[in-house]
C-alpha atoms as a PDB file:
ATOM      1  CA  MET A   1    -100.772 -68.567 243.889  1.00  0.00           C
ATOM      2  CA  SER A   2    -103.746 -66.432 244.886  1.00  0.00           C
ATOM      3  CA  GLU A   3    -102.975 -63.476 247.148  1.00  0.00           C
ATOM      4  CA  VAL A   4    -106.099 -63.999 249.298  1.00  0.00           C
ATOM      5  CA  VAL A   5    -107.951 -67.294 249.703  1.00  0.00           C
ATOM      6  CA  ILE A   6    -110.958 -67.381 252.042  1.00  0.00           C
ATOM      7  CA  SER A   7    -112.639 -70.729 252.643  1.00  0.00           C
ATOM      8  CA  GLY A   8    -115.875 -71.242 254.569  1.00  0.00           C
ATOM      9  CA  LEU A   9    -115.273 -68.222 256.796  1.00  0.00           C
ATOM     10  CA  SER A  10    -117.852 -67.626 259.506  1.00  0.00           C
ATOM     11  CA  TYR A  11    -117.363 -65.156 262.332  1.00  0.00           C
ATOM     12  CA  THR A  12    -119.360 -63.961 265.335  1.00  0.00           C
ATOM     13  CA  TYR A  13    -118.289 -61.010 267.496  1.00  0.00           C
ATOM     14  CA  PRO A  14    -118.162 -61.560 271.280  1.00  0.00           C
ATOM     15  CA  LYS A  15    -121.677 -61.443 272.801  1.00  0.00           C
ATOM     16  CA  ALA A  16    -123.262 -60.975 269.343  1.00  0.00           C
ATOM     17  CA  ALA A  17    -126.556 -62.757 268.788  1.00  0.00           C
ATOM     18  CA  ARG A  18    -125.781 -63.767 265.211  1.00  0.00           C
ATOM     19  CA  PRO A  19    -122.721 -64.148 262.985  1.00  0.00           C
ATOM     20  CA  SER A  20    -121.476 -61.211 260.929  1.00  0.00           C
ATOM     21  CA  LEU A  21    -119.996 -63.528 258.284  1.00  0.00           C
ATOM     22  CA  GLN A  22    -121.399 -66.891 257.206  1.00  0.00           C
ATOM     23  CA  GLN A  23    -119.616 -69.421 254.999  1.00  0.00           C
ATOM     24  CA  VAL A  24    -117.718 -66.785 252.996  1.00  0.00           C
ATOM     25  CA  SER A  25    -115.462 -68.215 250.287  1.00  0.00           C
ATOM     26  CA  LEU A  26    -113.628 -66.107 247.710  1.00  0.00           C
ATOM     27  CA  LYS A  27    -110.251 -65.460 246.100  1.00  0.00           C
ATOM     28  CA  LEU A  28    -108.257 -62.387 245.154  1.00  0.00           C
ATOM     29  CA  GLU A  29    -105.534 -63.075 242.625  1.00  0.00           C
ATOM     30  CA  ASN A  30    -102.165 -61.317 242.736  1.00  0.00           C
ATOM     31  CA  GLY A  31    -102.595 -57.790 241.378  1.00  0.00           C
ATOM     32  CA  ALA A  32    -106.396 -57.826 241.529  1.00  0.00           C
ATOM     33  CA  PHE A  33    -108.418 -54.651 242.039  1.00  0.00           C
ATOM     34  CA  ALA A  34    -111.610 -55.744 243.797  1.00  0.00           C
ATOM     35  CA  ALA A  35    -114.593 -53.753 245.037  1.00  0.00           C
ATOM     36  CA  LEU A  36    -116.620 -55.139 247.946  1.00  0.00           C
ATOM     37  CA  THR A  37    -120.177 -53.878 248.226  1.00  0.00           C
ATOM     38  CA  GLY A  38    -123.468 -54.561 249.991  1.00  0.00           C
ATOM     39  CA  PHE A  39    -125.991 -52.853 252.241  1.00  0.00           C
ATOM     40  CA  ASN A  40    -125.041 -51.557 255.687  1.00  0.00           C
ATOM     41  CA  GLY A  41    -124.655 -54.524 258.025  1.00  0.00           C
ATOM     42  CA  SER A  42    -123.845 -56.952 255.222  1.00  0.00           C
ATOM     43  CA  GLY A  43    -120.417 -57.739 256.696  1.00  0.00           C
ATOM     44  CA  LYS A  44    -118.079 -55.576 254.586  1.00  0.00           C
ATOM     45  CA  THR A  45    -116.121 -54.108 257.499  1.00  0.00           C
ATOM     46  CA  THR A  46    -115.835 -57.480 259.245  1.00  0.00           C
ATOM     47  CA  LEU A  47    -114.471 -59.081 256.070  1.00  0.00           C
ATOM     48  CA  CYS A  48    -111.872 -56.299 255.747  1.00  0.00           C
ATOM     49  CA  LEU A  49    -110.850 -56.893 259.367  1.00  0.00           C
ATOM     50  CA  ALA A  50    -110.631 -60.639 258.791  1.00  0.00           C
ATOM     51  CA  ILE A  51    -108.293 -60.215 255.827  1.00  0.00           C
ATOM     52  CA  ALA A  52    -106.041 -57.987 257.939  1.00  0.00           C
ATOM     53  CA  GLY A  53    -106.108 -60.477 260.817  1.00  0.00           C
ATOM     54  CA  ALA A  54    -107.812 -58.118 263.283  1.00  0.00           C
ATOM     55  CA  VAL A  55    -110.596 -60.684 263.274  1.00  0.00           C
ATOM     56  CA  PRO A  56    -110.161 -62.711 265.373  1.00  0.00           C
ATOM     57  CA  HIS A  57    -106.778 -61.662 266.870  1.00  0.00           C
ATOM     58  CA  TYR A  58    -107.879 -58.214 268.094  1.00  0.00           C
ATOM     59  CA  PHE A  59    -111.642 -58.562 268.471  1.00  0.00           C
ATOM     60  CA  GLY A  60    -111.813 -62.130 269.744  1.00  0.00           C
ATOM     61  CA  GLY A  61    -115.099 -63.873 269.038  1.00  0.00           C
ATOM     62  CA  ALA A  62    -115.761 -67.202 267.314  1.00  0.00           C
ATOM     63  CA  MET A  63    -114.277 -67.926 263.892  1.00  0.00           C
ATOM     64  CA  ALA A  64    -114.661 -70.955 261.648  1.00  0.00           C
ATOM     65  CA  GLY A  65    -113.095 -71.631 258.257  1.00  0.00           C
ATOM     66  CA  GLN A  66    -109.848 -69.997 257.266  1.00  0.00           C
ATOM     67  CA  VAL A  67    -108.272 -66.940 255.667  1.00  0.00           C
ATOM     68  CA  VAL A  68    -104.953 -67.420 253.872  1.00  0.00           C
ATOM     69  CA  ILE A  69    -102.980 -64.305 252.956  1.00  0.00           C
ATOM     70  CA  GLY A  70     -99.905 -64.727 250.781  1.00  0.00           C
ATOM     71  CA  GLY A  71     -99.678 -68.346 251.911  1.00  0.00           C
ATOM     72  CA  PHE A  72    -100.060 -67.553 255.642  1.00  0.00           C
ATOM     73  CA  LYS A  73    -103.118 -68.612 257.646  1.00  0.00           C
ATOM     74  CA  THR A  74    -104.279 -65.545 259.573  1.00  0.00           C
ATOM     75  CA  ALA A  75    -105.430 -67.602 262.551  1.00  0.00           C
ATOM     76  CA  GLU A  76    -101.875 -68.937 262.945  1.00  0.00           C
ATOM     77  CA  THR A  77     -99.961 -65.745 262.115  1.00  0.00           C
ATOM     78  CA  GLY A  78     -99.413 -62.796 264.444  1.00  0.00           C
ATOM     79  CA  ILE A  79    -101.188 -59.563 263.610  1.00  0.00           C
ATOM     80  CA  CYS A  80     -97.842 -57.712 263.484  1.00  0.00           C
ATOM     81  CA  GLU A  81     -96.526 -60.157 260.885  1.00  0.00           C
ATOM     82  CA  LEU A  82     -99.735 -59.802 258.888  1.00  0.00           C
ATOM     83  CA  ALA A  83     -99.337 -56.010 258.915  1.00  0.00           C
ATOM     84  CA  ASP A  84     -96.264 -56.472 256.710  1.00  0.00           C
ATOM     85  CA  ILE A  85     -98.449 -58.265 254.159  1.00  0.00           C
ATOM     86  CA  VAL A  86    -101.753 -56.407 254.435  1.00  0.00           C
ATOM     87  CA  GLY A  87    -102.151 -52.650 254.838  1.00  0.00           C
ATOM     88  CA  LEU A  88    -105.552 -51.723 256.323  1.00  0.00           C
ATOM     89  CA  VAL A  89    -107.099 -48.244 256.097  1.00  0.00           C
ATOM     90  CA  MET A  90    -110.321 -47.956 258.076  1.00  0.00           C
ATOM     91  CA  GLN A  91    -113.337 -45.787 257.292  1.00  0.00           C
ATOM     92  CA  ASP A  92    -112.427 -43.402 260.134  1.00  0.00           C
ATOM     93  CA  TYR A  93    -108.958 -42.870 258.705  1.00  0.00           C
ATOM     94  CA  GLU A  94    -108.310 -39.845 260.942  1.00  0.00           C
ATOM     95  CA  SER A  95    -108.340 -42.150 263.970  1.00  0.00           C
ATOM     96  CA  GLN A  96    -105.306 -43.913 262.452  1.00  0.00           C
ATOM     97  CA  LEU A  97    -103.257 -40.691 262.531  1.00  0.00           C
ATOM     98  CA  VAL A  98    -101.419 -40.532 265.851  1.00  0.00           C
ATOM     99  CA  THR A  99     -98.516 -38.082 265.422  1.00  0.00           C
ATOM    100  CA  LEU A 100     -98.132 -34.354 264.805  1.00  0.00           C
ATOM    101  CA  THR A 101     -96.433 -34.159 261.424  1.00  0.00           C
ATOM    102  CA  VAL A 102     -96.659 -35.949 258.090  1.00  0.00           C
ATOM    103  CA  GLU A 103     -93.131 -37.347 258.285  1.00  0.00           C
ATOM    104  CA  GLU A 104     -93.584 -38.601 261.852  1.00  0.00           C
ATOM    105  CA  GLU A 105     -96.820 -40.323 260.910  1.00  0.00           C
ATOM    106  CA  VAL A 106     -95.295 -42.383 258.115  1.00  0.00           C
ATOM    107  CA  ALA A 107     -92.224 -43.157 260.231  1.00  0.00           C
ATOM    108  CA  PHE A 108     -94.212 -44.212 263.301  1.00  0.00           C
ATOM    109  CA  GLY A 109     -94.942 -47.792 262.258  1.00  0.00           C
ATOM    110  CA  LEU A 110     -91.431 -48.297 260.921  1.00  0.00           C
ATOM    111  CA  GLU A 111     -89.883 -47.123 264.202  1.00  0.00           C
ATOM    112  CA  ASN A 112     -92.027 -49.640 266.077  1.00  0.00           C
ATOM    113  CA  ARG A 113     -90.701 -52.333 263.746  1.00  0.00           C
ATOM    114  CA  GLY A 114     -87.102 -51.323 264.515  1.00  0.00           C
ATOM    115  CA  VAL A 115     -86.269 -50.275 260.948  1.00  0.00           C
ATOM    116  CA  GLU A 116     -82.818 -48.670 260.779  1.00  0.00           C
ATOM    117  CA  ARG A 117     -82.742 -44.892 260.154  1.00  0.00           C
ATOM    118  CA  PRO A 118     -81.360 -44.863 256.567  1.00  0.00           C
ATOM    119  CA  GLU A 119     -83.914 -47.445 255.448  1.00  0.00           C
ATOM    120  CA  LEU A 120     -86.662 -45.702 257.431  1.00  0.00           C
ATOM    121  CA  THR A 121     -85.933 -42.365 255.763  1.00  0.00           C
ATOM    122  CA  ARG A 122     -85.940 -43.956 252.324  1.00  0.00           C
ATOM    123  CA  ARG A 123     -89.247 -45.694 252.935  1.00  0.00           C
ATOM    124  CA  VAL A 124     -90.889 -42.535 254.271  1.00  0.00           C
ATOM    125  CA  GLN A 125     -89.868 -40.563 251.191  1.00  0.00           C
ATOM    126  CA  GLU A 126     -90.944 -43.368 248.870  1.00  0.00           C
ATOM    127  CA  ALA A 127     -94.362 -43.779 250.511  1.00  0.00           C
ATOM    128  CA  LEU A 128     -95.057 -40.036 250.439  1.00  0.00           C
ATOM    129  CA  ALA A 129     -94.081 -39.880 246.771  1.00  0.00           C
ATOM    130  CA  MET A 130     -96.438 -42.761 245.972  1.00  0.00           C
ATOM    131  CA  VAL A 131     -99.431 -40.856 247.374  1.00  0.00           C
ATOM    132  CA  GLY A 132     -98.448 -37.395 246.136  1.00  0.00           C
ATOM    133  CA  LEU A 133     -97.436 -35.874 249.473  1.00  0.00           C
ATOM    134  CA  SER A 134     -93.754 -35.217 248.780  1.00  0.00           C
ATOM    135  CA  GLY A 135     -92.690 -31.853 250.149  1.00  0.00           C
ATOM    136  CA  LYS A 136     -95.195 -31.923 253.020  1.00  0.00           C
ATOM    137  CA  GLU A 137     -92.988 -33.833 255.452  1.00  0.00           C
ATOM    138  CA  ARG A 138     -92.953 -31.037 258.071  1.00  0.00           C
ATOM    139  CA  GLN A 139     -96.616 -30.102 257.722  1.00  0.00           C
ATOM    140  CA  GLN A 140     -98.912 -30.581 260.711  1.00  0.00           C
ATOM    141  CA  THR A 141    -101.334 -33.458 260.175  1.00  0.00           C
ATOM    142  CA  ALA A 142    -104.159 -31.367 261.655  1.00  0.00           C
ATOM    143  CA  ALA A 143    -103.702 -28.811 258.855  1.00  0.00           C
ATOM    144  CA  LEU A 144    -104.206 -31.335 256.053  1.00  0.00           C
ATOM    145  CA  SER A 145    -107.404 -31.546 254.041  1.00  0.00           C
ATOM    146  CA  GLY A 146    -109.607 -34.617 254.319  1.00  0.00           C
ATOM    147  CA  GLY A 147    -108.212 -36.017 251.090  1.00  0.00           C
ATOM    148  CA  GLN A 148    -104.636 -35.412 252.200  1.00  0.00           C
ATOM    149  CA  LYS A 149    -105.288 -37.131 255.540  1.00  0.00           C
ATOM    150  CA  GLN A 150    -106.662 -40.097 253.625  1.00  0.00           C
ATOM    151  CA  ARG A 151    -103.503 -40.194 251.493  1.00  0.00           C
ATOM    152  CA  LEU A 152    -101.361 -39.935 254.598  1.00  0.00           C
ATOM    153  CA  ALA A 153    -103.135 -42.887 256.190  1.00  0.00           C
ATOM    154  CA  ILE A 154    -102.443 -44.861 253.013  1.00  0.00           C
ATOM    155  CA  ALA A 155     -98.780 -43.780 253.006  1.00  0.00           C
ATOM    156  CA  SER A 156     -98.367 -44.907 256.609  1.00  0.00           C
ATOM    157  CA  VAL A 157     -99.338 -48.461 255.671  1.00  0.00           C
ATOM    158  CA  LEU A 158     -97.501 -48.418 252.337  1.00  0.00           C
ATOM    159  CA  ALA A 159     -94.240 -47.725 254.171  1.00  0.00           C
ATOM    160  CA  ALA A 160     -94.371 -51.299 255.494  1.00  0.00           C
ATOM    161  CA  LYS A 161     -94.337 -52.486 251.854  1.00  0.00           C
ATOM    162  CA  PRO A 162     -97.480 -54.648 252.020  1.00  0.00           C
ATOM    163  CA  LYS A 163     -98.593 -56.711 249.046  1.00  0.00           C
ATOM    164  CA  ILE A 164    -102.274 -56.065 249.719  1.00  0.00           C
ATOM    165  CA  LEU A 165    -104.081 -52.811 250.481  1.00  0.00           C
ATOM    166  CA  VAL A 166    -107.539 -53.035 252.080  1.00  0.00           C
ATOM    167  CA  LEU A 167    -109.689 -49.932 252.459  1.00  0.00           C
ATOM    168  CA  ASP A 168    -113.055 -49.793 254.237  1.00  0.00           C
ATOM    169  CA  GLU A 169    -115.437 -47.187 252.760  1.00  0.00           C
ATOM    170  CA  PRO A 170    -112.562 -44.788 251.981  1.00  0.00           C
ATOM    171  CA  THR A 171    -114.700 -42.179 250.202  1.00  0.00           C
ATOM    172  CA  SER A 172    -117.414 -41.760 252.841  1.00  0.00           C
ATOM    173  CA  ALA A 173    -115.961 -38.465 254.134  1.00  0.00           C
ATOM    174  CA  LEU A 174    -114.608 -37.134 250.812  1.00  0.00           C
ATOM    175  CA  ASP A 175    -116.197 -34.776 248.323  1.00  0.00           C
ATOM    176  CA  PRO A 176    -116.702 -36.032 244.728  1.00  0.00           C
ATOM    177  CA  GLU A 177    -113.412 -34.569 243.529  1.00  0.00           C
ATOM    178  CA  GLY A 178    -111.490 -36.084 246.425  1.00  0.00           C
ATOM    179  CA  ALA A 179    -113.173 -39.458 245.892  1.00  0.00           C
ATOM    180  CA  ALA A 180    -112.252 -39.469 242.200  1.00  0.00           C
ATOM    181  CA  GLU A 181    -108.649 -38.548 243.001  1.00  0.00           C
ATOM    182  CA  LEU A 182    -108.455 -41.345 245.583  1.00  0.00           C
ATOM    183  CA  TYR A 183    -109.520 -43.970 243.046  1.00  0.00           C
ATOM    184  CA  GLU A 184    -107.010 -42.666 240.531  1.00  0.00           C
ATOM    185  CA  LEU A 185    -104.339 -43.072 243.226  1.00  0.00           C
ATOM    186  CA  LEU A 186    -105.465 -46.608 244.070  1.00  0.00           C
ATOM    187  CA  TYR A 187    -105.461 -47.582 240.403  1.00  0.00           C
ATOM    188  CA  ARG A 188    -101.941 -46.193 239.987  1.00  0.00           C
ATOM    189  CA  LEU A 189    -100.753 -48.175 243.023  1.00  0.00           C
ATOM    190  CA  ASN A 190    -102.361 -51.249 241.518  1.00  0.00           C
ATOM    191  CA  GLN A 191    -100.952 -50.805 238.020  1.00  0.00           C
ATOM    192  CA  GLU A 192     -97.524 -49.305 238.685  1.00  0.00           C
ATOM    193  CA  HIS A 193     -96.614 -50.955 241.984  1.00  0.00           C
ATOM    194  CA  GLY A 194     -98.492 -54.241 241.670  1.00  0.00           C
ATOM    195  CA  LEU A 195    -100.518 -53.881 244.860  1.00  0.00           C
ATOM    196  CA  THR A 196    -103.557 -56.078 245.252  1.00  0.00           C
ATOM    197  CA  ILE A 197    -106.426 -53.740 246.147  1.00  0.00           C
ATOM    198  CA  LEU A 198    -109.657 -54.523 248.010  1.00  0.00           C
ATOM    199  CA  VAL A 199    -111.938 -51.574 248.649  1.00  0.00           C
ATOM    200  CA  ALA A 200    -115.278 -51.741 250.451  1.00  0.00           C
ATOM    201  CA  GLU A 201    -117.448 -49.236 248.617  1.00  0.00           C
ATOM    202  CA  HIS A 202    -121.143 -48.335 248.580  1.00  0.00           C
ATOM    203  CA  ASP A 203    -120.865 -46.148 245.453  1.00  0.00           C
ATOM    204  CA  LEU A 204    -119.900 -48.556 242.687  1.00  0.00           C
ATOM    205  CA  SER A 205    -119.766 -45.699 240.172  1.00  0.00           C
ATOM    206  CA  LEU A 206    -116.399 -44.778 241.679  1.00  0.00           C
ATOM    207  CA  ALA A 207    -114.927 -48.271 241.454  1.00  0.00           C
ATOM    208  CA  LEU A 208    -116.413 -49.244 238.086  1.00  0.00           C
ATOM    209  CA  PRO A 209    -113.745 -47.696 235.815  1.00  0.00           C
ATOM    210  CA  TYR A 210    -110.934 -49.403 237.740  1.00  0.00           C
ATOM    211  CA  ALA A 211    -112.033 -52.650 239.391  1.00  0.00           C
ATOM    212  CA  SER A 212    -111.554 -56.037 237.749  1.00  0.00           C
ATOM    213  CA  GLN A 213    -113.659 -57.879 240.349  1.00  0.00           C
ATOM    214  CA  PHE A 214    -116.857 -57.022 242.226  1.00  0.00           C
ATOM    215  CA  ILE A 215    -118.035 -58.888 245.325  1.00  0.00           C
ATOM    216  CA  LEU A 216    -121.559 -58.427 246.679  1.00  0.00           C
ATOM    217  CA  LEU A 217    -122.234 -59.379 250.312  1.00  0.00           C
ATOM    218  CA  ALA A 218    -125.719 -59.959 251.679  1.00  0.00           C
ATOM    219  CA  ASP A 219    -126.384 -60.846 255.327  1.00  0.00           C
ATOM    220  CA  GLY A 220    -122.793 -61.915 255.826  1.00  0.00           C
ATOM    221  CA  ARG A 221    -122.693 -64.182 252.767  1.00  0.00           C
ATOM    222  CA  VAL A 222    -121.282 -63.782 249.276  1.00  0.00           C
ATOM    223  CA  ALA A 223    -124.321 -63.201 247.061  1.00  0.00           C
ATOM    224  CA  VAL A 224    -122.255 -62.994 243.872  1.00  0.00           C
ATOM    225  CA  ASP A 225    -118.569 -62.673 243.009  1.00  0.00           C
ATOM    226  CA  GLY A 226    -117.276 -62.037 239.502  1.00  0.00           C
ATOM    227  CA  THR A 227    -116.527 -59.442 236.883  1.00  0.00           C
ATOM    228  CA  PRO A 228    -118.165 -56.025 237.315  1.00  0.00           C
ATOM    229  CA  ALA A 229    -120.546 -56.861 234.448  1.00  0.00           C
ATOM    230  CA  ASP A 230    -121.583 -60.161 236.074  1.00  0.00           C
ATOM    231  CA  VAL A 231    -122.291 -58.561 239.438  1.00  0.00           C
ATOM    232  CA  LEU A 232    -124.048 -55.489 238.039  1.00  0.00           C
ATOM    233  CA  ARG A 233    -126.333 -57.662 235.916  1.00  0.00           C
ATOM    234  CA  TYR A 234    -127.158 -59.710 239.018  1.00  0.00           C
ATOM    235  CA  MET A 235    -127.969 -56.525 240.912  1.00  0.00           C
ATOM    236  CA  GLY A 236    -130.097 -55.237 238.042  1.00  0.00           C
ATOM    237  CA  ALA A 237    -132.115 -58.458 238.045  1.00  0.00           C
ATOM    238  CA  ASN A 238    -132.833 -58.168 241.791  1.00  0.00           C
ATOM    239  CA  ARG A 239    -135.149 -55.330 242.744  1.00  0.00           C
ATOM    240  CA  GLN A 240    -133.587 -54.774 246.168  1.00  0.00           C
ATOM    241  CA  TYR A 241    -130.263 -53.814 244.541  1.00  0.00           C
ATOM    242  CA  ALA A 242    -131.516 -51.965 241.460  1.00  0.00           C
ATOM    243  CA  CYS A 243    -131.304 -48.541 243.096  1.00  0.00           C
ATOM    244  CA  SER A 244    -127.672 -49.249 244.064  1.00  0.00           C
ATOM    245  CA  LEU A 245    -126.587 -49.693 240.455  1.00  0.00           C
ATOM    246  CA  PRO A 246    -124.292 -47.032 239.003  1.00  0.00           C
ATOM    247  CA  PRO A 247    -126.408 -44.585 236.914  1.00  0.00           C
ATOM    248  CA  LEU A 248    -124.453 -45.665 233.844  1.00  0.00           C
ATOM    249  CA  TRP A 249    -125.702 -49.221 234.256  1.00  0.00           C
ATOM    250  CA  GLN A 250    -129.227 -48.153 235.150  1.00  0.00           C
ATOM    251  CA  LEU A 251    -129.278 -46.477 231.737  1.00  0.00           C
ATOM    252  CA  LYS A 252    -127.629 -49.451 230.042  1.00  0.00           C
ATOM    253  CA  LEU A 253    -129.988 -52.089 231.448  1.00  0.00           C
ATOM    254  CA  GLY A 254    -132.991 -49.856 230.814  1.00  0.00           C
ATOM    255  CA  LEU A 255    -132.043 -49.480 227.150  1.00  0.00           C
ATOM    256  CA  GLU A 256    -131.448 -53.213 226.837  1.00  0.00           C
ATOM    257  CA  THR A 257    -135.075 -53.924 227.688  1.00  0.00           C
ATOM    258  CA  HIS A 258    -135.988 -52.340 224.330  1.00  0.00           C
ATOM    259  CA  PHE A 259    -132.857 -52.725 222.225  1.00  0.00           C
ATOM    260  CA  SER A 260    -130.039 -55.216 221.768  1.00  0.00           C
ATOM    261  CA  CYS A 261    -127.303 -55.623 224.376  1.00  0.00           C
ATOM    262  CA  PHE A 262    -124.692 -52.907 224.694  1.00  0.00           C
ATOM    263  CA  GLY A 263    -121.029 -53.130 225.679  1.00  0.00           C
ATOM    264  CA  ASP A 264    -120.069 -53.471 229.327  1.00  0.00           C
ATOM    265  CA  TRP A 265    -119.690 -49.749 229.938  1.00  0.00           C
ATOM    266  CA  LYS A 266    -117.221 -48.646 232.601  1.00  0.00           C
ATOM    267  CA  THR A 267    -117.088 -44.925 231.825  1.00  0.00           C
ATOM    268  CA  ASP A 268    -119.338 -42.201 230.443  1.00  0.00           C
ATOM    269  CA  GLU A 269    -117.000 -41.942 227.476  1.00  0.00           C
ATOM    270  CA  GLU A 270    -117.502 -45.601 226.550  1.00  0.00           C
ATOM    271  CA  ALA A 271    -121.270 -45.192 226.751  1.00  0.00           C
ATOM    272  CA  SER A 272    -121.241 -41.994 224.697  1.00  0.00           C
ATOM    273  CA  GLU A 273    -119.064 -43.526 221.989  1.00  0.00           C
ATOM    274  CA  GLU A 274    -121.241 -46.613 221.587  1.00  0.00           C
ATOM    275  CA  LEU A 275    -124.528 -44.703 221.651  1.00  0.00           C
ATOM    276  CA  SER A 276    -123.209 -42.197 219.108  1.00  0.00           C
ATOM    277  CA  ARG A 277    -121.972 -44.995 216.873  1.00  0.00           C
ATOM    278  CA  ARG A 278    -125.301 -46.799 216.999  1.00  0.00           C
ATOM    279  CA  LEU A 279    -127.244 -43.608 216.381  1.00  0.00           C
ATOM    280  CA  ASP A 280    -125.080 -42.797 213.371  1.00  0.00           C
ATOM    281  CA  SER A 281    -125.623 -46.325 212.066  1.00  0.00           C
ATOM    282  CA  ARG A 282    -129.401 -45.992 212.397  1.00  0.00           C
ATOM    283  CA  GLU A 283    -129.347 -42.644 210.622  1.00  0.00           C
ATOM    284  CA  ASP A 284    -127.260 -44.081 207.785  1.00  0.00           C
ATOM    285  CA  GLY A 285    -129.723 -46.918 207.433  1.00  0.00           C
ATOM    286  CA  LYS A 286    -132.636 -44.509 207.170  1.00  0.00           C
ATOM    287  CA  SER A 287    -130.794 -42.407 204.578  1.00  0.00           C
ATOM    288  CA  ALA A 288    -130.230 -45.496 202.471  1.00  0.00           C
END
């Protein structure tokens, strides 16, 4: 069974003149790592909120179609129940931090759920270990770096043991090193703990080495949904998206206009290996 099934989803915020999402249909399989992209205003944040159930339960508005998460229809399931299935980390992750210390922050949601102390303590330690913050339990949240605060926000939702982790533009306030470390963490959570990951991301270079699925939104609709190669080729063939392509694929598609097709590069290393191999082959042919 698919983890997330969205069928004909349309949504309009209260008093909005036009819908933010229009006839969105897509699936995320169990254990998927999906990257959601599109220009500002394309509906990425609203789709993240809809998967978590905040749309429409928290924001109100008009919704048509349905979102099914782990077999539960979000429109018919309470937002607190959905929080045990979907962990949501918003772009302004610091606004999600509400306590003074690291340990208190991770425990906060569990205390509100009435989790008994021994189980609560175990979950706090486990969540902090998963994000690399073990040993910082007593540290003040205000003293953490931006990357550590991001990890803490993730730990606070992981403590509820969700099956799905949704992150909205998680790298927008991180430096390149912090962004790379975050994606390595997300990939580890995906591979080692089986979490289904959906990350809204404007910089597809970060997601490319890890994601198995790319989804491009345009004006609240799904423009294309498929493998990274499928979506990047679509973007390369449409001038409005060409500048949003990862540099690796700008190079790849540029070369393919003059030479044969190359492999579906995900990393610089893959590109370097193939280009070196082809260059060596050409040199050998000339020598012969």
